[in-house]
Amino acid sequence: MGKTLNVELLEPWQIEQFWPQIQDALLRLAHLWADKWTIDYFQQAAFNQHIQVWGVGYGTRMELMAFTQVVRYPANNFFQIMFVLGDEAWKEFSPPLIEAWHKFGATQNCRFWEAPHARVGWERRGFGKRTGIVLAGPIKQMVM
């Protein structure tokens, strides 16, 4: 009997149940988000469904975890892929996860998707095309 692959958008009760694992996963990527968000923000935003947490794996074991959000601009809604954890599992699990993302994005009236923290390897695998480069730097603090 073959294993059944689960691609699941986690519900609030699952966020609460799996929060220790979700938090550990986020803390491994803190270099990507610590300048913008806090771990408390992620917990509240996930629980209140302002961001989505996706789990992919067999049975109750998550092999891949992804964080997304719907960004609503005046002209269009974007399905934004914030972070994906589980590089080893990406090749195997990305097709069903991407299909689930397209379905979810459509239900949210998204016309586009974006992955601002994507790596070059994603583009080489045909995931999408680079549309720009994000530059960032500190603001010089002025005494007023």
N, C-alpha and C. Protein backbone atom coordinates (compact mmCIF):
# COMPACT_ATOMS: atom_id res chain seq x y z
N MET A 1 0.84 -1.18 0.00
CA MET A 1 0.00 0.00 0.00
C MET A 1 0.89 1.24 0.00
N GLY A 2 0.69 2.15 -0.95
CA GLY A 2 1.51 3.35 -1.08
C GLY A 2 1.15 4.41 -0.06
N LYS A 3 2.11 5.27 0.18
CA LYS A 3 1.88 6.37 1.10
C LYS A 3 1.06 7.45 0.40
N THR A 4 0.19 8.12 1.15
CA THR A 4 -0.61 9.20 0.61
C THR A 4 0.05 10.53 0.95
N LEU A 5 0.28 11.33 -0.09
CA LEU A 5 0.88 12.64 0.10
C LEU A 5 -0.20 13.63 0.52
N ASN A 6 0.09 14.39 1.56
CA ASN A 6 -0.83 15.42 2.04
C ASN A 6 -0.24 16.80 1.76
N VAL A 7 -1.02 17.65 1.12
CA VAL A 7 -0.70 19.07 0.96
C VAL A 7 -1.81 19.79 1.68
N GLU A 8 -1.44 20.45 2.77
CA GLU A 8 -2.48 20.98 3.63
C GLU A 8 -2.21 22.43 4.03
N LEU A 9 -3.25 23.24 3.91
CA LEU A 9 -3.25 24.58 4.47
C LEU A 9 -3.68 24.41 5.92
N LEU A 10 -2.77 24.73 6.85
CA LEU A 10 -3.05 24.46 8.25
C LEU A 10 -4.13 25.38 8.80
N GLU A 11 -5.03 24.79 9.56
CA GLU A 11 -6.12 25.50 10.22
C GLU A 11 -5.60 26.06 11.56
N PRO A 12 -6.32 27.02 12.15
CA PRO A 12 -5.87 27.60 13.43
C PRO A 12 -5.57 26.56 14.51
N TRP A 13 -6.40 25.52 14.64
CA TRP A 13 -6.14 24.51 15.67
C TRP A 13 -4.85 23.77 15.38
N GLN A 14 -4.51 23.57 14.08
CA GLN A 14 -3.26 22.91 13.73
C GLN A 14 -2.07 23.83 13.98
N ILE A 15 -2.25 25.13 13.75
CA ILE A 15 -1.20 26.11 14.05
C ILE A 15 -0.85 26.00 15.53
N GLU A 16 -1.89 25.97 16.36
CA GLU A 16 -1.67 25.86 17.80
C GLU A 16 -0.98 24.55 18.16
N GLN A 17 -1.45 23.46 17.58
CA GLN A 17 -0.89 22.14 17.89
C GLN A 17 0.57 22.01 17.45
N PHE A 18 0.89 22.53 16.27
CA PHE A 18 2.23 22.35 15.71
C PHE A 18 3.12 23.57 15.90
N TRP A 19 2.68 24.55 16.72
CA TRP A 19 3.45 25.77 16.85
C TRP A 19 4.92 25.53 17.22
N PRO A 20 5.26 24.62 18.13
CA PRO A 20 6.69 24.44 18.42
C PRO A 20 7.52 24.09 17.18
N GLN A 21 7.01 23.22 16.30
CA GLN A 21 7.73 22.87 15.07
C GLN A 21 7.75 24.04 14.09
N ILE A 22 6.64 24.77 14.00
CA ILE A 22 6.57 25.93 13.11
C ILE A 22 7.56 26.99 13.57
N GLN A 23 7.58 27.24 14.88
CA GLN A 23 8.50 28.23 15.41
C GLN A 23 9.96 27.83 15.16
N ASP A 24 10.28 26.57 15.38
CA ASP A 24 11.65 26.10 15.10
C ASP A 24 12.02 26.33 13.64
N ALA A 25 11.09 26.04 12.74
CA ALA A 25 11.34 26.23 11.32
C ALA A 25 11.57 27.70 11.00
N LEU A 26 10.74 28.56 11.57
CA LEU A 26 10.91 30.00 11.34
C LEU A 26 12.23 30.51 11.89
N LEU A 27 12.61 30.06 13.05
CA LEU A 27 13.86 30.53 13.65
C LEU A 27 15.08 30.14 12.82
N ARG A 28 14.99 29.05 12.06
CA ARG A 28 16.09 28.68 11.16
C ARG A 28 16.22 29.68 10.01
N LEU A 29 15.15 30.43 9.74
CA LEU A 29 15.18 31.41 8.65
C LEU A 29 15.15 32.85 9.16
N ALA A 30 15.47 33.05 10.42
CA ALA A 30 15.37 34.38 11.02
C ALA A 30 16.16 35.43 10.25
N HIS A 31 17.23 35.04 9.59
CA HIS A 31 18.01 36.01 8.82
C HIS A 31 17.21 36.62 7.67
N LEU A 32 16.12 35.98 7.27
CA LEU A 32 15.28 36.51 6.20
C LEU A 32 14.19 37.46 6.70
N TRP A 33 13.79 37.30 7.96
CA TRP A 33 12.62 38.05 8.41
C TRP A 33 12.81 38.90 9.65
N ALA A 34 13.87 38.72 10.39
CA ALA A 34 13.99 39.37 11.70
C ALA A 34 14.01 40.90 11.62
N ASP A 35 14.37 41.47 10.48
CA ASP A 35 14.35 42.92 10.34
C ASP A 35 12.93 43.47 10.12
N LYS A 36 11.98 42.58 9.79
CA LYS A 36 10.62 43.02 9.48
C LYS A 36 9.58 42.55 10.48
N TRP A 37 9.73 41.32 10.95
CA TRP A 37 8.70 40.70 11.76
C TRP A 37 9.27 40.13 13.04
N THR A 38 8.38 39.76 13.95
CA THR A 38 8.77 39.07 15.18
C THR A 38 8.14 37.68 15.17
N ILE A 39 8.64 36.81 16.00
CA ILE A 39 8.07 35.48 16.09
C ILE A 39 6.64 35.55 16.62
N ASP A 40 6.37 36.52 17.50
CA ASP A 40 5.00 36.71 18.00
C ASP A 40 4.05 37.12 16.88
N TYR A 41 4.55 37.97 15.96
CA TYR A 41 3.72 38.35 14.82
C TYR A 41 3.34 37.11 14.02
N PHE A 42 4.33 36.27 13.72
CA PHE A 42 4.04 35.08 12.93
C PHE A 42 3.01 34.19 13.61
N GLN A 43 3.13 34.02 14.91
CA GLN A 43 2.19 33.17 15.63
C GLN A 43 0.77 33.74 15.53
N GLN A 44 0.62 35.03 15.80
CA GLN A 44 -0.70 35.66 15.74
C GLN A 44 -1.25 35.71 14.31
N ALA A 45 -0.40 36.08 13.37
CA ALA A 45 -0.83 36.19 11.97
C ALA A 45 -1.24 34.83 11.41
N ALA A 46 -0.51 33.78 11.77
CA ALA A 46 -0.86 32.44 11.31
C ALA A 46 -2.16 31.97 11.96
N PHE A 47 -2.28 32.19 13.27
CA PHE A 47 -3.48 31.76 13.99
C PHE A 47 -4.71 32.50 13.48
N ASN A 48 -4.55 33.80 13.17
CA ASN A 48 -5.67 34.61 12.65
C ASN A 48 -5.82 34.52 11.14
N GLN A 49 -5.01 33.71 10.51
CA GLN A 49 -5.03 33.45 9.07
C GLN A 49 -4.73 34.68 8.21
N HIS A 50 -3.93 35.60 8.73
CA HIS A 50 -3.43 36.71 7.92
C HIS A 50 -2.28 36.24 7.05
N ILE A 51 -1.58 35.21 7.52
CA ILE A 51 -0.62 34.50 6.68
C ILE A 51 -1.05 33.04 6.68
N GLN A 52 -0.62 32.32 5.69
CA GLN A 52 -0.97 30.91 5.58
C GLN A 52 0.28 30.07 5.86
N VAL A 53 0.06 28.97 6.55
CA VAL A 53 1.12 27.99 6.78
C VAL A 53 0.68 26.71 6.09
N TRP A 54 1.55 26.21 5.21
CA TRP A 54 1.27 25.01 4.43
C TRP A 54 2.20 23.89 4.91
N GLY A 55 1.65 22.70 5.04
CA GLY A 55 2.44 21.53 5.37
C GLY A 55 2.30 20.50 4.27
N VAL A 56 3.42 19.90 3.90
CA VAL A 56 3.41 18.87 2.86
C VAL A 56 4.20 17.67 3.38
N GLY A 57 3.62 16.50 3.25
CA GLY A 57 4.32 15.30 3.68
C GLY A 57 3.41 14.10 3.67
N TYR A 58 3.91 13.03 4.25
CA TYR A 58 3.16 11.77 4.33
C TYR A 58 2.66 11.59 5.76
N GLY A 59 1.37 11.27 5.89
CA GLY A 59 0.80 11.10 7.21
C GLY A 59 0.84 12.41 7.98
N THR A 60 1.30 12.36 9.22
CA THR A 60 1.38 13.57 10.04
C THR A 60 2.77 14.19 10.03
N ARG A 61 3.68 13.64 9.26
CA ARG A 61 5.05 14.17 9.19
C ARG A 61 5.16 15.23 8.10
N MET A 62 5.55 16.44 8.48
CA MET A 62 5.74 17.52 7.51
C MET A 62 7.17 17.46 6.97
N GLU A 63 7.28 17.21 5.69
CA GLU A 63 8.59 17.18 5.03
C GLU A 63 8.96 18.56 4.50
N LEU A 64 7.94 19.35 4.21
CA LEU A 64 8.13 20.68 3.64
C LEU A 64 7.11 21.60 4.30
N MET A 65 7.54 22.80 4.64
CA MET A 65 6.64 23.78 5.24
C MET A 65 6.80 25.08 4.45
N ALA A 66 5.69 25.76 4.21
CA ALA A 66 5.73 27.00 3.45
C ALA A 66 4.85 28.04 4.12
N PHE A 67 5.27 29.30 3.98
CA PHE A 67 4.54 30.44 4.53
C PHE A 67 4.17 31.36 3.38
N THR A 68 2.90 31.72 3.31
CA THR A 68 2.42 32.58 2.22
C THR A 68 1.51 33.66 2.80
N GLN A 69 1.22 34.64 1.96
CA GLN A 69 0.23 35.65 2.32
C GLN A 69 -0.38 36.21 1.05
N VAL A 70 -1.57 36.74 1.18
CA VAL A 70 -2.22 37.42 0.07
C VAL A 70 -1.99 38.91 0.29
N VAL A 71 -1.36 39.55 -0.69
CA VAL A 71 -1.08 40.98 -0.62
C VAL A 71 -2.06 41.67 -1.56
N ARG A 72 -2.83 42.59 -1.01
CA ARG A 72 -3.88 43.26 -1.78
C ARG A 72 -3.44 44.68 -2.13
N TYR A 73 -3.14 44.87 -3.40
CA TYR A 73 -2.78 46.18 -3.92
C TYR A 73 -4.02 46.77 -4.59
N PRO A 74 -4.03 48.09 -4.85
CA PRO A 74 -5.21 48.68 -5.51
C PRO A 74 -5.52 48.06 -6.88
N ALA A 75 -4.51 47.70 -7.64
CA ALA A 75 -4.75 47.18 -8.99
C ALA A 75 -4.97 45.67 -9.03
N ASN A 76 -4.27 44.91 -8.18
CA ASN A 76 -4.33 43.45 -8.22
C ASN A 76 -3.99 42.86 -6.87
N ASN A 77 -4.44 41.63 -6.68
CA ASN A 77 -4.02 40.85 -5.52
C ASN A 77 -2.88 39.93 -5.95
N PHE A 78 -1.88 39.80 -5.08
CA PHE A 78 -0.75 38.91 -5.34
C PHE A 78 -0.74 37.81 -4.29
N PHE A 79 -0.48 36.60 -4.72
CA PHE A 79 -0.23 35.50 -3.79
C PHE A 79 1.27 35.50 -3.57
N GLN A 80 1.69 35.82 -2.36
CA GLN A 80 3.12 35.98 -2.07
C GLN A 80 3.64 34.77 -1.29
N ILE A 81 4.66 34.15 -1.83
CA ILE A 81 5.33 33.05 -1.16
C ILE A 81 6.43 33.67 -0.31
N MET A 82 6.24 33.62 1.00
CA MET A 82 7.17 34.26 1.92
C MET A 82 8.43 33.42 2.09
N PHE A 83 8.26 32.17 2.53
CA PHE A 83 9.38 31.28 2.80
C PHE A 83 8.96 29.84 2.55
N VAL A 84 9.91 29.02 2.14
CA VAL A 84 9.70 27.59 2.01
C VAL A 84 10.85 26.90 2.72
N LEU A 85 10.53 25.97 3.59
CA LEU A 85 11.54 25.20 4.31
C LEU A 85 11.46 23.75 3.88
N GLY A 86 12.58 23.16 3.62
CA GLY A 86 12.64 21.75 3.24
C GLY A 86 13.25 21.58 1.87
N ASP A 87 14.43 22.15 1.65
CA ASP A 87 15.08 22.11 0.34
C ASP A 87 15.16 20.70 -0.23
N GLU A 88 15.48 19.73 0.65
CA GLU A 88 15.63 18.36 0.17
C GLU A 88 14.31 17.83 -0.40
N ALA A 89 13.20 18.31 0.13
CA ALA A 89 11.89 17.81 -0.27
C ALA A 89 11.28 18.62 -1.41
N TRP A 90 11.86 19.78 -1.74
CA TRP A 90 11.25 20.68 -2.72
C TRP A 90 11.01 20.01 -4.07
N LYS A 91 11.98 19.29 -4.58
CA LYS A 91 11.85 18.69 -5.91
C LYS A 91 10.67 17.71 -5.96
N GLU A 92 10.52 16.91 -4.91
CA GLU A 92 9.44 15.93 -4.88
C GLU A 92 8.08 16.56 -4.64
N PHE A 93 8.04 17.54 -3.73
CA PHE A 93 6.75 18.04 -3.27
C PHE A 93 6.28 19.32 -3.96
N SER A 94 7.14 19.97 -4.73
CA SER A 94 6.73 21.25 -5.30
C SER A 94 5.55 21.15 -6.28
N PRO A 95 5.47 20.15 -7.16
CA PRO A 95 4.32 20.15 -8.09
C PRO A 95 2.96 20.17 -7.40
N PRO A 96 2.68 19.29 -6.44
CA PRO A 96 1.35 19.37 -5.81
C PRO A 96 1.17 20.63 -4.95
N LEU A 97 2.25 21.12 -4.36
CA LEU A 97 2.14 22.34 -3.56
C LEU A 97 1.84 23.54 -4.45
N ILE A 98 2.53 23.65 -5.56
CA ILE A 98 2.28 24.76 -6.49
C ILE A 98 0.85 24.70 -7.02
N GLU A 99 0.37 23.50 -7.31
CA GLU A 99 -1.02 23.36 -7.77
C GLU A 99 -1.99 23.85 -6.69
N ALA A 100 -1.73 23.49 -5.42
CA ALA A 100 -2.58 23.95 -4.32
C ALA A 100 -2.52 25.46 -4.19
N TRP A 101 -1.32 26.04 -4.37
CA TRP A 101 -1.18 27.50 -4.30
C TRP A 101 -1.99 28.19 -5.38
N HIS A 102 -1.96 27.66 -6.60
CA HIS A 102 -2.74 28.26 -7.68
C HIS A 102 -4.24 28.23 -7.36
N LYS A 103 -4.70 27.11 -6.83
CA LYS A 103 -6.12 27.00 -6.47
C LYS A 103 -6.48 28.00 -5.38
N PHE A 104 -5.64 28.08 -4.34
CA PHE A 104 -5.90 29.00 -3.24
C PHE A 104 -5.84 30.44 -3.74
N GLY A 105 -4.82 30.77 -4.53
CA GLY A 105 -4.69 32.12 -5.08
C GLY A 105 -5.92 32.52 -5.89
N ALA A 106 -6.45 31.59 -6.66
CA ALA A 106 -7.65 31.87 -7.45
C ALA A 106 -8.84 32.17 -6.54
N THR A 107 -8.96 31.45 -5.42
CA THR A 107 -10.08 31.71 -4.51
C THR A 107 -9.94 33.07 -3.83
N GLN A 108 -8.74 33.61 -3.80
CA GLN A 108 -8.49 34.92 -3.18
C GLN A 108 -8.43 36.04 -4.23
N ASN A 109 -8.84 35.73 -5.46
CA ASN A 109 -8.84 36.69 -6.56
C ASN A 109 -7.45 37.26 -6.86
N CYS A 110 -6.44 36.40 -6.70
CA CYS A 110 -5.08 36.82 -7.03
C CYS A 110 -4.86 36.65 -8.53
N ARG A 111 -4.21 37.64 -9.14
CA ARG A 111 -3.90 37.55 -10.56
C ARG A 111 -2.46 37.12 -10.78
N PHE A 112 -1.62 37.30 -9.76
CA PHE A 112 -0.20 37.01 -9.89
C PHE A 112 0.31 36.35 -8.60
N TRP A 113 1.46 35.71 -8.71
CA TRP A 113 2.17 35.25 -7.52
C TRP A 113 3.54 35.89 -7.55
N GLU A 114 4.16 35.98 -6.37
CA GLU A 114 5.52 36.49 -6.27
C GLU A 114 6.23 35.78 -5.12
N ALA A 115 7.53 35.66 -5.26
CA ALA A 115 8.36 35.02 -4.24
C ALA A 115 9.57 35.92 -4.00
N PRO A 116 9.43 36.94 -3.13
CA PRO A 116 10.51 37.91 -2.96
C PRO A 116 11.79 37.34 -2.35
N HIS A 117 11.71 36.18 -1.69
CA HIS A 117 12.91 35.58 -1.10
C HIS A 117 13.36 34.34 -1.87
N ALA A 118 12.93 34.21 -3.12
CA ALA A 118 13.30 33.04 -3.91
C ALA A 118 14.79 33.05 -4.22
N ARG A 119 15.31 31.87 -4.43
CA ARG A 119 16.71 31.74 -4.80
C ARG A 119 16.81 31.50 -6.30
N VAL A 120 17.99 31.76 -6.85
CA VAL A 120 18.21 31.62 -8.29
C VAL A 120 17.86 30.22 -8.77
N GLY A 121 18.10 29.22 -7.96
CA GLY A 121 17.81 27.84 -8.35
C GLY A 121 16.35 27.61 -8.70
N TRP A 122 15.45 28.36 -8.07
CA TRP A 122 14.04 28.21 -8.39
C TRP A 122 13.78 28.63 -9.83
N GLU A 123 14.43 29.70 -10.28
CA GLU A 123 14.25 30.16 -11.65
C GLU A 123 14.77 29.13 -12.64
N ARG A 124 15.92 28.55 -12.33
CA ARG A 124 16.51 27.53 -13.22
C ARG A 124 15.62 26.31 -13.35
N ARG A 125 14.85 26.02 -12.32
CA ARG A 125 13.94 24.87 -12.35
C ARG A 125 12.61 25.19 -13.03
N GLY A 126 12.48 26.41 -13.55
CA GLY A 126 11.27 26.77 -14.28
C GLY A 126 10.14 27.23 -13.39
N PHE A 127 10.43 27.57 -12.14
CA PHE A 127 9.38 28.00 -11.21
C PHE A 127 8.80 29.35 -11.60
N GLY A 128 9.61 30.21 -12.16
CA GLY A 128 9.15 31.54 -12.55
C GLY A 128 10.30 32.33 -13.13
N LYS A 129 10.06 33.58 -13.41
CA LYS A 129 11.08 34.47 -13.98
C LYS A 129 11.35 35.60 -13.02
N ARG A 130 12.61 35.94 -12.90
CA ARG A 130 13.02 37.06 -12.06
C ARG A 130 12.48 38.35 -12.67
N THR A 131 11.83 39.17 -11.84
CA THR A 131 11.26 40.42 -12.34
C THR A 131 11.96 41.63 -11.77
N GLY A 132 12.87 41.42 -10.86
CA GLY A 132 13.58 42.54 -10.27
C GLY A 132 14.50 42.07 -9.17
N ILE A 133 15.17 42.99 -8.57
CA ILE A 133 16.07 42.71 -7.47
C ILE A 133 15.65 43.61 -6.31
N VAL A 134 15.58 43.04 -5.13
CA VAL A 134 15.23 43.83 -3.95
C VAL A 134 16.52 44.31 -3.32
N LEU A 135 16.65 45.60 -3.19
CA LEU A 135 17.79 46.20 -2.52
C LEU A 135 17.31 46.76 -1.19
N ALA A 136 18.16 46.70 -0.18
CA ALA A 136 17.78 47.23 1.14
C ALA A 136 19.03 47.78 1.81
N GLY A 137 18.82 48.73 2.65
CA GLY A 137 19.92 49.31 3.41
C GLY A 137 19.37 50.09 4.58
N PRO A 138 20.22 50.40 5.52
CA PRO A 138 19.75 51.12 6.71
C PRO A 138 19.50 52.60 6.39
N ILE A 139 18.58 53.19 7.13
CA ILE A 139 18.32 54.62 7.05
C ILE A 139 19.26 55.31 8.05
N LYS A 140 19.95 56.30 7.59
CA LYS A 140 20.83 57.06 8.48
C LYS A 140 19.95 57.79 9.50
N GLN A 141 20.25 57.57 10.76
CA GLN A 141 19.46 58.19 11.83
C GLN A 141 19.89 59.66 11.98
N MET A 142 18.93 60.53 11.95
CA MET A 142 19.18 61.97 12.04
C MET A 142 18.69 62.49 13.38
N VAL A 143 19.39 63.43 13.91
CA VAL A 143 18.95 64.07 15.13
C VAL A 143 18.09 65.25 14.71
N MET A 144 16.90 65.32 15.23
CA MET A 144 15.98 66.39 14.84
C MET A 144 15.92 67.44 15.91
